[in-house]
Amino acid sequence: MSNQWAKLQIYRKASMDLTVLGIVTLTQGVGLRNIATLKPNFGDLSSGVINPLLLFALDALIWMLLAGFQTAYKFLLQERFYRNTLTQYADVLSLSNISMLLLDEKCHGYYIHGKSVHSTADTDMEELNNCLKKETNDLVPRRGLADTNQQIFEVFLNLEFRKLFDQIQSNTQPDTTRTLQMMQRLSSQTLPLLESNKNEKITVWKQMQNFNIKQKTFIEKIAGAIPDTSKGPVFMNDQNGIIYCLLYGLETHLMVFYISLYTALDYWTNPVLAGFTIWAVDKLLCGLRIWLGEKNIAIKGHLDSKYLLG
């Protein structure tokens, strides 16, 4: 699950490789770059003096068309009739009996409800197939929280819960190697500490049970209003909000940055060098995002980094 989440960090609707290849082919190979020259004839593709404003408009238009076609394909065809990568991840969490709490702010984040509706999650393929058939025939409860179909929520926590959560995180051993070493030399002095950590986790779980599920109103969506959390955590129905924790939700911002950088490099150099630079910057950004994501997963999930295969 951790490896799959690390891969989702850089998942996007539009492929950067295909976009860069397409814009370089159209501007340099086909010669559409010469449309940005100061000539009255739009169909004249002969060489001339490039106007920076026309070049920016041309590059931006081609880039947005290429990204738009890819986005439309994924939204209209792939995610509807083949698979939705984010929804599929929530389904796999449910089959594995794992829930995920993702916090992007001190008291704000997202929750994926992955509690299995079947009697066991550790089983063979035959039994798993039988469990899925039971679920198809509505012989088991629904996967969502409180017997609903909703698995992904926007979560608002109170300070009391966050303080207790941070206390447990600080008391829990983050290094798996040191944890194993501690377990090997268990004594009567360490057993009370383990019992205390267990009791603290039970306390957090009990507080999580005092949640309130609310439907986001139109005004709350527009204004970004924060609900009252004095009585416990509030879970808001928001299937798509979690994408803003990934590059998937920041794709528009990245596109604006890449178009600006590509156009500047295209004007001062050439489309091939500009395309290669954009491709290299994107690979560097994705590599950095995966590295930081795996590091965060290893610390927050108490995993040894050698088990992360990114």
C-alpha atoms as a PDB file:
ATOM      1  CA  MET A   1       0.000   0.000   0.000  1.00  0.00           C
ATOM      2  CA  SER A   2       2.829   2.390   0.848  1.00  0.00           C
ATOM      3  CA  ASN A   3       4.589   1.729  -2.454  1.00  0.00           C
ATOM      4  CA  GLN A   4       1.383   2.300  -4.398  1.00  0.00           C
ATOM      5  CA  TRP A   5       0.740   5.579  -2.573  1.00  0.00           C
ATOM      6  CA  ALA A   6       4.298   6.698  -3.351  1.00  0.00           C
ATOM      7  CA  LYS A   7       3.640   6.056  -7.055  1.00  0.00           C
ATOM      8  CA  LEU A   8       0.403   8.054  -6.901  1.00  0.00           C
ATOM      9  CA  GLN A   9       2.377  11.132  -5.826  1.00  0.00           C
ATOM     10  CA  ILE A  10       3.286  11.889  -9.456  1.00  0.00           C
ATOM     11  CA  TYR A  11       0.174  10.526 -11.184  1.00  0.00           C
ATOM     12  CA  ARG A  12      -1.314  13.052 -13.628  1.00  0.00           C
ATOM     13  CA  LYS A  13      -3.937  13.188 -16.335  1.00  0.00           C
ATOM     14  CA  ALA A  14      -1.566  14.414 -19.059  1.00  0.00           C
ATOM     15  CA  SER A  15       1.723  12.685 -19.857  1.00  0.00           C
ATOM     16  CA  MET A  16       4.631  15.118 -19.828  1.00  0.00           C
ATOM     17  CA  ASP A  17       6.630  12.934 -22.231  1.00  0.00           C
ATOM     18  CA  LEU A  18       3.824  12.927 -24.799  1.00  0.00           C
ATOM     19  CA  THR A  19       3.128  16.648 -24.365  1.00  0.00           C
ATOM     20  CA  VAL A  20       6.772  17.673 -24.854  1.00  0.00           C
ATOM     21  CA  LEU A  21       7.194  15.318 -27.812  1.00  0.00           C
ATOM     22  CA  GLY A  22       4.036  16.663 -29.405  1.00  0.00           C
ATOM     23  CA  ILE A  23       4.842  20.367 -29.035  1.00  0.00           C
ATOM     24  CA  VAL A  24       8.428  19.947 -30.284  1.00  0.00           C
ATOM     25  CA  THR A  25       7.226  17.920 -33.282  1.00  0.00           C
ATOM     26  CA  LEU A  26       4.554  20.465 -34.213  1.00  0.00           C
ATOM     27  CA  THR A  27       6.646  23.607 -33.721  1.00  0.00           C
ATOM     28  CA  GLN A  28      10.021  22.406 -34.994  1.00  0.00           C
ATOM     29  CA  GLY A  29       9.208  19.401 -37.180  1.00  0.00           C
ATOM     30  CA  VAL A  30       6.055  20.658 -38.901  1.00  0.00           C
ATOM     31  CA  GLY A  31       7.263  24.268 -38.779  1.00  0.00           C
ATOM     32  CA  LEU A  32       4.310  25.810 -36.952  1.00  0.00           C
ATOM     33  CA  ARG A  33       6.766  27.964 -34.981  1.00  0.00           C
ATOM     34  CA  ASN A  34       6.977  30.297 -37.977  1.00  0.00           C
ATOM     35  CA  ILE A  35       3.339  31.253 -37.446  1.00  0.00           C
ATOM     36  CA  ALA A  36       4.696  33.513 -34.691  1.00  0.00           C
ATOM     37  CA  THR A  37       6.632  35.629 -37.217  1.00  0.00           C
ATOM     38  CA  LEU A  38       5.497  39.157 -38.076  1.00  0.00           C
ATOM     39  CA  LYS A  39       3.821  38.357 -41.390  1.00  0.00           C
ATOM     40  CA  PRO A  40       0.315  39.281 -42.539  1.00  0.00           C
ATOM     41  CA  ASN A  41      -0.202  35.916 -44.238  1.00  0.00           C
ATOM     42  CA  PHE A  42      -1.194  33.282 -41.664  1.00  0.00           C
ATOM     43  CA  GLY A  43      -0.388  30.437 -44.042  1.00  0.00           C
ATOM     44  CA  ASP A  44       3.161  31.650 -44.722  1.00  0.00           C
ATOM     45  CA  LEU A  45       5.443  29.296 -42.750  1.00  0.00           C
ATOM     46  CA  SER A  46       8.746  30.657 -44.073  1.00  0.00           C
ATOM     47  CA  SER A  47      11.408  31.825 -41.629  1.00  0.00           C
ATOM     48  CA  GLY A  48      11.337  35.315 -40.198  1.00  0.00           C
ATOM     49  CA  VAL A  49      11.639  37.421 -37.063  1.00  0.00           C
ATOM     50  CA  ILE A  50       9.811  35.741 -34.159  1.00  0.00           C
ATOM     51  CA  ASN A  51       7.491  37.932 -32.118  1.00  0.00           C
ATOM     52  CA  PRO A  52       7.655  36.935 -28.395  1.00  0.00           C
ATOM     53  CA  LEU A  53       3.950  37.612 -27.734  1.00  0.00           C
ATOM     54  CA  LEU A  54       2.839  35.580 -30.746  1.00  0.00           C
ATOM     55  CA  LEU A  55       5.248  32.802 -29.782  1.00  0.00           C
ATOM     56  CA  PHE A  56       3.849  32.685 -26.251  1.00  0.00           C
ATOM     57  CA  ALA A  57       0.292  32.522 -27.598  1.00  0.00           C
ATOM     58  CA  LEU A  58       1.212  29.776 -30.069  1.00  0.00           C
ATOM     59  CA  ASP A  59       3.123  27.621 -27.574  1.00  0.00           C
ATOM     60  CA  ALA A  60       0.446  28.044 -24.919  1.00  0.00           C
ATOM     61  CA  LEU A  61      -2.322  27.101 -27.365  1.00  0.00           C
ATOM     62  CA  ILE A  62      -0.533  23.973 -28.601  1.00  0.00           C
ATOM     63  CA  TRP A  63       0.396  22.900 -25.058  1.00  0.00           C
ATOM     64  CA  MET A  64      -3.165  23.347 -23.759  1.00  0.00           C
ATOM     65  CA  LEU A  65      -4.633  21.479 -26.737  1.00  0.00           C
ATOM     66  CA  LEU A  66      -2.286  18.522 -26.227  1.00  0.00           C
ATOM     67  CA  ALA A  67      -2.963  18.441 -22.477  1.00  0.00           C
ATOM     68  CA  GLY A  68      -6.694  18.914 -23.069  1.00  0.00           C
ATOM     69  CA  PHE A  69      -6.930  15.953 -25.454  1.00  0.00           C
ATOM     70  CA  GLN A  70      -5.134  13.692 -22.974  1.00  0.00           C
ATOM     71  CA  THR A  71      -7.297  14.887 -20.083  1.00  0.00           C
ATOM     72  CA  ALA A  72     -10.484  14.356 -22.084  1.00  0.00           C
ATOM     73  CA  TYR A  73      -9.387  10.840 -23.053  1.00  0.00           C
ATOM     74  CA  LYS A  74      -8.704   9.866 -19.439  1.00  0.00           C
ATOM     75  CA  PHE A  75     -11.868  11.480 -18.105  1.00  0.00           C
ATOM     76  CA  LEU A  76     -14.299  10.314 -20.793  1.00  0.00           C
ATOM     77  CA  LEU A  77     -12.869   6.900 -21.641  1.00  0.00           C
ATOM     78  CA  GLN A  78     -10.142   5.512 -19.401  1.00  0.00           C
ATOM     79  CA  GLU A  79     -11.523   6.475 -15.977  1.00  0.00           C
ATOM     80  CA  ARG A  80     -15.113   5.653 -16.935  1.00  0.00           C
ATOM     81  CA  PHE A  81     -14.710   2.351 -18.760  1.00  0.00           C
ATOM     82  CA  TYR A  82     -11.268   1.022 -17.790  1.00  0.00           C
ATOM     83  CA  ARG A  83     -10.115   2.153 -14.356  1.00  0.00           C
ATOM     84  CA  ASN A  84      -9.917   5.177 -12.121  1.00  0.00           C
ATOM     85  CA  THR A  85      -6.512   5.047 -10.455  1.00  0.00           C
ATOM     86  CA  LEU A  86      -7.490   6.923  -7.277  1.00  0.00           C
ATOM     87  CA  THR A  87     -10.744   5.007  -6.776  1.00  0.00           C
ATOM     88  CA  GLN A  88      -8.913   1.762  -7.439  1.00  0.00           C
ATOM     89  CA  TYR A  89      -6.452   2.603  -4.664  1.00  0.00           C
ATOM     90  CA  ALA A  90      -9.338   3.052  -2.215  1.00  0.00           C
ATOM     91  CA  ASP A  91     -10.720  -0.340  -3.293  1.00  0.00           C
ATOM     92  CA  VAL A  92      -7.365  -2.031  -2.725  1.00  0.00           C
ATOM     93  CA  LEU A  93      -7.156  -0.445   0.740  1.00  0.00           C
ATOM     94  CA  SER A  94     -10.583  -1.903   1.531  1.00  0.00           C
ATOM     95  CA  LEU A  95      -9.545  -5.372   0.392  1.00  0.00           C
ATOM     96  CA  SER A  96      -6.400  -5.095   2.521  1.00  0.00           C
ATOM     97  CA  ASN A  97      -8.378  -3.870   5.574  1.00  0.00           C
ATOM     98  CA  ILE A  98      -6.273  -0.704   5.818  1.00  0.00           C
ATOM     99  CA  SER A  99      -7.581   2.819   6.394  1.00  0.00           C
ATOM    100  CA  MET A 100      -5.488   5.912   5.707  1.00  0.00           C
ATOM    101  CA  LEU A 101      -5.496   9.295   7.439  1.00  0.00           C
ATOM    102  CA  LEU A 102      -3.644  11.950   5.435  1.00  0.00           C
ATOM    103  CA  LEU A 103      -3.053  15.316   7.117  1.00  0.00           C
ATOM    104  CA  ASP A 104      -1.947  18.277   5.000  1.00  0.00           C
ATOM    105  CA  GLU A 105      -2.494  20.795   7.818  1.00  0.00           C
ATOM    106  CA  LYS A 106      -2.407  20.608  11.599  1.00  0.00           C
ATOM    107  CA  CYS A 107      -6.134  19.891  11.932  1.00  0.00           C
ATOM    108  CA  HIS A 108      -7.133  19.244   8.333  1.00  0.00           C
ATOM    109  CA  GLY A 109      -6.673  16.343   5.990  1.00  0.00           C
ATOM    110  CA  TYR A 110      -8.350  13.463   4.215  1.00  0.00           C
ATOM    111  CA  TYR A 111      -9.469  10.021   5.286  1.00  0.00           C
ATOM    112  CA  ILE A 112      -9.833   6.894   3.140  1.00  0.00           C
ATOM    113  CA  HIS A 113     -12.032   4.326   4.863  1.00  0.00           C
ATOM    114  CA  GLY A 114     -10.502   0.941   4.147  1.00  0.00           C
ATOM    115  CA  LYS A 115     -12.113  -1.296   6.758  1.00  0.00           C
ATOM    116  CA  SER A 116     -12.880  -4.607   5.077  1.00  0.00           C
ATOM    117  CA  VAL A 117     -16.497  -5.730   4.982  1.00  0.00           C
ATOM    118  CA  HIS A 118     -15.389  -9.353   4.791  1.00  0.00           C
ATOM    119  CA  SER A 119     -14.474 -11.704   7.606  1.00  0.00           C
ATOM    120  CA  THR A 120     -10.792 -11.726   6.698  1.00  0.00           C
ATOM    121  CA  ALA A 121      -8.386  -9.870   4.416  1.00  0.00           C
ATOM    122  CA  ASP A 122      -5.495 -12.335   4.653  1.00  0.00           C
ATOM    123  CA  THR A 123      -6.722 -15.167   2.447  1.00  0.00           C
ATOM    124  CA  ASP A 124      -6.169 -16.942  -0.875  1.00  0.00           C
ATOM    125  CA  MET A 125      -7.494 -15.875  -4.267  1.00  0.00           C
ATOM    126  CA  GLU A 126     -10.377 -18.353  -4.257  1.00  0.00           C
ATOM    127  CA  GLU A 127     -11.741 -17.082  -0.950  1.00  0.00           C
ATOM    128  CA  LEU A 128     -11.162 -13.475  -2.026  1.00  0.00           C
ATOM    129  CA  ASN A 129     -13.140 -14.101  -5.218  1.00  0.00           C
ATOM    130  CA  ASN A 130     -15.998 -15.575  -3.173  1.00  0.00           C
ATOM    131  CA  CYS A 131     -15.968 -12.521  -0.926  1.00  0.00           C
ATOM    132  CA  LEU A 132     -16.195 -10.206  -3.935  1.00  0.00           C
ATOM    133  CA  LYS A 133     -19.128 -12.229  -5.292  1.00  0.00           C
ATOM    134  CA  LYS A 134     -20.930 -11.798  -1.964  1.00  0.00           C
ATOM    135  CA  GLU A 135     -20.304  -8.070  -2.166  1.00  0.00           C
ATOM    136  CA  THR A 136     -21.628  -7.979  -5.738  1.00  0.00           C
ATOM    137  CA  ASN A 137     -24.829  -9.696  -4.589  1.00  0.00           C
ATOM    138  CA  ASP A 138     -25.262  -7.284  -1.634  1.00  0.00           C
ATOM    139  CA  LEU A 139     -24.753 -10.044   0.934  1.00  0.00           C
ATOM    140  CA  VAL A 140     -22.343  -7.936   3.000  1.00  0.00           C
ATOM    141  CA  PRO A 141     -22.447  -4.325   4.259  1.00  0.00           C
ATOM    142  CA  ARG A 142     -21.263  -1.549   1.983  1.00  0.00           C
ATOM    143  CA  ARG A 143     -17.610  -0.528   2.044  1.00  0.00           C
ATOM    144  CA  GLY A 144     -18.144   3.087   2.957  1.00  0.00           C
ATOM    145  CA  LEU A 145     -18.128   4.654   6.382  1.00  0.00           C
ATOM    146  CA  ALA A 146     -21.338   4.099   8.399  1.00  0.00           C
ATOM    147  CA  ASP A 147     -22.636   1.602   5.808  1.00  0.00           C
ATOM    148  CA  THR A 148     -22.551   4.067   2.898  1.00  0.00           C
ATOM    149  CA  ASN A 149     -20.775   4.072  -0.457  1.00  0.00           C
ATOM    150  CA  GLN A 150     -18.581   7.009   0.537  1.00  0.00           C
ATOM    151  CA  GLN A 151     -14.969   5.978   1.265  1.00  0.00           C
ATOM    152  CA  ILE A 152     -13.036   9.244   0.863  1.00  0.00           C
ATOM    153  CA  PHE A 153     -13.683  12.168   3.218  1.00  0.00           C
ATOM    154  CA  GLU A 154     -12.271  15.588   3.969  1.00  0.00           C
ATOM    155  CA  VAL A 155     -11.481  15.581   7.701  1.00  0.00           C
ATOM    156  CA  PHE A 156     -11.467  18.432  10.213  1.00  0.00           C
ATOM    157  CA  LEU A 157      -9.925  17.580  13.600  1.00  0.00           C
ATOM    158  CA  ASN A 158      -9.941  19.416  16.917  1.00  0.00           C
ATOM    159  CA  LEU A 159      -6.793  20.421  18.806  1.00  0.00           C
ATOM    160  CA  GLU A 160      -7.399  17.869  21.553  1.00  0.00           C
ATOM    161  CA  PHE A 161      -7.323  15.017  19.082  1.00  0.00           C
ATOM    162  CA  ARG A 162      -4.246  16.396  17.306  1.00  0.00           C
ATOM    163  CA  LYS A 163      -2.288  16.794  20.546  1.00  0.00           C
ATOM    164  CA  LEU A 164      -3.037  13.206  21.530  1.00  0.00           C
ATOM    165  CA  PHE A 165      -2.163  12.028  18.024  1.00  0.00           C
ATOM    166  CA  ASP A 166       1.191  13.866  18.099  1.00  0.00           C
ATOM    167  CA  GLN A 167       1.942  12.479  21.543  1.00  0.00           C
ATOM    168  CA  ILE A 168       1.506   8.922  20.314  1.00  0.00           C
ATOM    169  CA  GLN A 169       3.599   9.648  17.213  1.00  0.00           C
ATOM    170  CA  SER A 170       6.434  10.979  19.355  1.00  0.00           C
ATOM    171  CA  ASN A 171       6.276   8.002  21.719  1.00  0.00           C
ATOM    172  CA  THR A 172       6.217   5.428  18.943  1.00  0.00           C
ATOM    173  CA  GLN A 173       9.559   4.181  17.699  1.00  0.00           C
ATOM    174  CA  PRO A 174       9.932   5.382  14.075  1.00  0.00           C
ATOM    175  CA  ASP A 175      12.904   3.190  13.199  1.00  0.00           C
ATOM    176  CA  THR A 176      11.906  -0.418  12.506  1.00  0.00           C
ATOM    177  CA  THR A 177      15.450  -1.657  13.162  1.00  0.00           C
ATOM    178  CA  ARG A 178      15.547  -0.087  16.609  1.00  0.00           C
ATOM    179  CA  THR A 179      12.079  -1.427  17.293  1.00  0.00           C
ATOM    180  CA  LEU A 180      13.204  -4.969  16.522  1.00  0.00           C
ATOM    181  CA  GLN A 181      16.250  -4.515  18.727  1.00  0.00           C
ATOM    182  CA  MET A 182      14.030  -3.316  21.553  1.00  0.00           C
ATOM    183  CA  MET A 183      11.710  -6.298  21.112  1.00  0.00           C
ATOM    184  CA  GLN A 184      14.678  -8.662  21.325  1.00  0.00           C
ATOM    185  CA  ARG A 185      15.635  -7.367  24.755  1.00  0.00           C
ATOM    186  CA  LEU A 186      12.141  -7.028  26.222  1.00  0.00           C
ATOM    187  CA  SER A 187      12.107  -6.884  29.967  1.00  0.00           C
ATOM    188  CA  SER A 188       9.682  -6.105  32.736  1.00  0.00           C
ATOM    189  CA  GLN A 189      10.659  -2.427  32.375  1.00  0.00           C
ATOM    190  CA  THR A 190       9.626  -2.157  28.704  1.00  0.00           C
ATOM    191  CA  LEU A 191       6.302  -3.973  28.983  1.00  0.00           C
ATOM    192  CA  PRO A 192       4.546  -1.099  30.834  1.00  0.00           C
ATOM    193  CA  LEU A 193       5.681   1.301  28.055  1.00  0.00           C
ATOM    194  CA  LEU A 194       4.174  -0.925  25.351  1.00  0.00           C
ATOM    195  CA  GLU A 195       0.975  -1.245  27.342  1.00  0.00           C
ATOM    196  CA  SER A 196       0.833   2.543  27.723  1.00  0.00           C
ATOM    197  CA  ASN A 197       1.240   3.080  23.945  1.00  0.00           C
ATOM    198  CA  LYS A 198      -1.505   0.535  23.303  1.00  0.00           C
ATOM    199  CA  ASN A 199      -3.874   2.328  25.668  1.00  0.00           C
ATOM    200  CA  GLU A 200      -3.092   5.684  24.014  1.00  0.00           C
ATOM    201  CA  LYS A 201      -3.918   4.275  20.574  1.00  0.00           C
ATOM    202  CA  ILE A 202      -7.198   2.906  21.900  1.00  0.00           C
ATOM    203  CA  THR A 203      -7.999   6.379  23.255  1.00  0.00           C
ATOM    204  CA  VAL A 204      -7.363   7.970  19.846  1.00  0.00           C
ATOM    205  CA  TRP A 205      -9.516   5.337  18.160  1.00  0.00           C
ATOM    206  CA  LYS A 206     -12.372   6.031  20.577  1.00  0.00           C
ATOM    207  CA  GLN A 207     -12.122   9.747  19.817  1.00  0.00           C
ATOM    208  CA  MET A 208     -12.249   9.005  16.089  1.00  0.00           C
ATOM    209  CA  GLN A 209     -15.514   7.139  16.656  1.00  0.00           C
ATOM    210  CA  ASN A 210     -17.148  10.364  17.874  1.00  0.00           C
ATOM    211  CA  PHE A 211     -17.167  11.782  14.376  1.00  0.00           C
ATOM    212  CA  ASN A 212     -19.877  13.671  12.544  1.00  0.00           C
ATOM    213  CA  ILE A 213     -20.533  13.121   8.843  1.00  0.00           C
ATOM    214  CA  LYS A 214     -21.712  16.231   7.008  1.00  0.00           C
ATOM    215  CA  GLN A 215     -22.604  16.981   3.429  1.00  0.00           C
ATOM    216  CA  LYS A 216     -20.739  19.981   2.065  1.00  0.00           C
ATOM    217  CA  THR A 217     -23.090  22.775   1.119  1.00  0.00           C
ATOM    218  CA  PHE A 218     -22.563  24.971  -1.914  1.00  0.00           C
ATOM    219  CA  ILE A 219     -21.597  27.932   0.276  1.00  0.00           C
ATOM    220  CA  GLU A 220     -19.037  25.820   2.178  1.00  0.00           C
ATOM    221  CA  LYS A 221     -17.492  24.694  -1.101  1.00  0.00           C
ATOM    222  CA  ILE A 222     -17.179  28.267  -2.378  1.00  0.00           C
ATOM    223  CA  ALA A 223     -16.139  29.982   0.883  1.00  0.00           C
ATOM    224  CA  GLY A 224     -14.097  27.104   2.311  1.00  0.00           C
ATOM    225  CA  ALA A 225     -15.905  27.375   5.655  1.00  0.00           C
ATOM    226  CA  ILE A 226     -14.491  25.334   8.560  1.00  0.00           C
ATOM    227  CA  PRO A 227     -17.093  23.325  10.533  1.00  0.00           C
ATOM    228  CA  ASP A 228     -17.390  23.234  14.323  1.00  0.00           C
ATOM    229  CA  THR A 229     -15.159  20.451  15.708  1.00  0.00           C
ATOM    230  CA  SER A 230     -15.810  21.005  19.416  1.00  0.00           C
ATOM    231  CA  LYS A 231     -17.858  17.786  19.630  1.00  0.00           C
ATOM    232  CA  GLY A 232     -15.371  15.684  17.708  1.00  0.00           C
ATOM    233  CA  PRO A 233     -13.851  15.245  14.220  1.00  0.00           C
ATOM    234  CA  VAL A 234     -16.014  16.225  11.267  1.00  0.00           C
ATOM    235  CA  PHE A 235     -16.025  14.159   8.085  1.00  0.00           C
ATOM    236  CA  MET A 236     -17.170  16.021   4.965  1.00  0.00           C
ATOM    237  CA  ASN A 237     -18.223  14.160   1.841  1.00  0.00           C
ATOM    238  CA  ASP A 238     -15.522  15.115  -0.647  1.00  0.00           C
ATOM    239  CA  GLN A 239     -14.489  12.458  -3.143  1.00  0.00           C
ATOM    240  CA  ASN A 240     -12.073  14.629  -5.124  1.00  0.00           C
ATOM    241  CA  GLY A 241     -10.444  16.895  -2.534  1.00  0.00           C
ATOM    242  CA  ILE A 242      -7.626  14.448  -1.845  1.00  0.00           C
ATOM    243  CA  ILE A 243      -6.190  15.027  -5.333  1.00  0.00           C
ATOM    244  CA  TYR A 244      -4.796  18.385  -4.149  1.00  0.00           C
ATOM    245  CA  CYS A 245      -2.317  16.454  -1.999  1.00  0.00           C
ATOM    246  CA  LEU A 246      -0.886  14.980  -5.217  1.00  0.00           C
ATOM    247  CA  LEU A 247       0.552  16.399  -8.422  1.00  0.00           C
ATOM    248  CA  TYR A 248      -2.769  15.277  -9.936  1.00  0.00           C
ATOM    249  CA  GLY A 249      -4.498  18.198  -8.259  1.00  0.00           C
ATOM    250  CA  LEU A 250      -1.706  20.685  -9.012  1.00  0.00           C
ATOM    251  CA  GLU A 251      -1.550  19.908 -12.719  1.00  0.00           C
ATOM    252  CA  THR A 252      -2.973  23.266 -13.812  1.00  0.00           C
ATOM    253  CA  HIS A 253      -0.402  25.179 -11.741  1.00  0.00           C
ATOM    254  CA  LEU A 254       2.398  23.055 -13.179  1.00  0.00           C
ATOM    255  CA  MET A 255       1.102  23.590 -16.706  1.00  0.00           C
ATOM    256  CA  VAL A 256       1.236  27.376 -16.302  1.00  0.00           C
ATOM    257  CA  PHE A 257       4.804  27.126 -14.979  1.00  0.00           C
ATOM    258  CA  TYR A 258       5.946  24.784 -17.756  1.00  0.00           C
ATOM    259  CA  ILE A 259       4.326  26.878 -20.510  1.00  0.00           C
ATOM    260  CA  SER A 260       6.043  30.039 -19.232  1.00  0.00           C
ATOM    261  CA  LEU A 261       9.425  28.320 -18.950  1.00  0.00           C
ATOM    262  CA  TYR A 262       9.101  26.564 -22.300  1.00  0.00           C
ATOM    263  CA  THR A 263       8.135  29.756 -24.135  1.00  0.00           C
ATOM    264  CA  ALA A 264      11.072  31.702 -22.670  1.00  0.00           C
ATOM    265  CA  LEU A 265      13.529  28.961 -23.608  1.00  0.00           C
ATOM    266  CA  ASP A 266      11.922  28.548 -27.033  1.00  0.00           C
ATOM    267  CA  TYR A 267      12.362  32.268 -27.767  1.00  0.00           C
ATOM    268  CA  TRP A 268      15.979  32.479 -26.627  1.00  0.00           C
ATOM    269  CA  THR A 269      17.133  29.064 -27.931  1.00  0.00           C
ATOM    270  CA  ASN A 270      15.051  26.586 -29.962  1.00  0.00           C
ATOM    271  CA  PRO A 271      12.100  24.205 -29.409  1.00  0.00           C
ATOM    272  CA  VAL A 272      14.269  21.081 -29.107  1.00  0.00           C
ATOM    273  CA  LEU A 273      16.454  22.468 -26.320  1.00  0.00           C
ATOM    274  CA  ALA A 274      13.398  23.998 -24.620  1.00  0.00           C
ATOM    275  CA  GLY A 275      11.548  20.681 -24.742  1.00  0.00           C
ATOM    276  CA  PHE A 276      14.510  18.750 -23.369  1.00  0.00           C
ATOM    277  CA  THR A 277      14.937  21.261 -20.523  1.00  0.00           C
ATOM    278  CA  ILE A 278      11.252  21.021 -19.588  1.00  0.00           C
ATOM    279  CA  TRP A 279      11.439  17.214 -19.668  1.00  0.00           C
ATOM    280  CA  ALA A 280      14.532  17.239 -17.413  1.00  0.00           C
ATOM    281  CA  VAL A 281      12.967  19.712 -14.956  1.00  0.00           C
ATOM    282  CA  ASP A 282       9.817  17.570 -14.750  1.00  0.00           C
ATOM    283  CA  LYS A 283      11.802  14.383 -14.126  1.00  0.00           C
ATOM    284  CA  LEU A 284      13.764  16.170 -11.403  1.00  0.00           C
ATOM    285  CA  LEU A 285      10.565  17.469  -9.809  1.00  0.00           C
ATOM    286  CA  CYS A 286       8.909  14.036  -9.904  1.00  0.00           C
ATOM    287  CA  GLY A 287      12.001  12.354  -8.495  1.00  0.00           C
ATOM    288  CA  LEU A 288      12.158  14.889  -5.664  1.00  0.00           C
ATOM    289  CA  ARG A 289       8.442  14.443  -4.947  1.00  0.00           C
ATOM    290  CA  ILE A 290       8.794  10.648  -4.778  1.00  0.00           C
ATOM    291  CA  TRP A 291      11.889  10.881  -2.552  1.00  0.00           C
ATOM    292  CA  LEU A 292      10.230  13.279  -0.123  1.00  0.00           C
ATOM    293  CA  GLY A 293       7.026  11.240  -0.211  1.00  0.00           C
ATOM    294  CA  GLU A 294       8.808   7.979   0.590  1.00  0.00           C
ATOM    295  CA  LYS A 295      10.735   9.660   3.371  1.00  0.00           C
ATOM    296  CA  ASN A 296       7.493  10.993   4.851  1.00  0.00           C
ATOM    297  CA  ILE A 297       5.786   7.584   4.536  1.00  0.00           C
ATOM    298  CA  ALA A 298       8.721   5.862   6.246  1.00  0.00           C
ATOM    299  CA  ILE A 299       8.600   8.301   9.179  1.00  0.00           C
ATOM    300  CA  LYS A 300       4.826   8.626   9.612  1.00  0.00           C
ATOM    301  CA  GLY A 301       4.049   4.999   8.768  1.00  0.00           C
ATOM    302  CA  HIS A 302       6.899   3.587  10.892  1.00  0.00           C
ATOM    303  CA  LEU A 303       8.342   1.667   7.951  1.00  0.00           C
ATOM    304  CA  ASP A 304      11.900   0.788   7.144  1.00  0.00           C
ATOM    305  CA  SER A 305      12.819   2.638   3.941  1.00  0.00           C
ATOM    306  CA  LYS A 306      14.195  -0.577   2.418  1.00  0.00           C
ATOM    307  CA  TYR A 307      10.614  -1.811   2.021  1.00  0.00           C
ATOM    308  CA  LEU A 308       9.740   1.152  -0.204  1.00  0.00           C
ATOM    309  CA  LEU A 309      10.556   0.126  -3.749  1.00  0.00           C
ATOM    310  CA  GLY A 310      10.292   3.490  -5.505  1.00  0.00           C
END
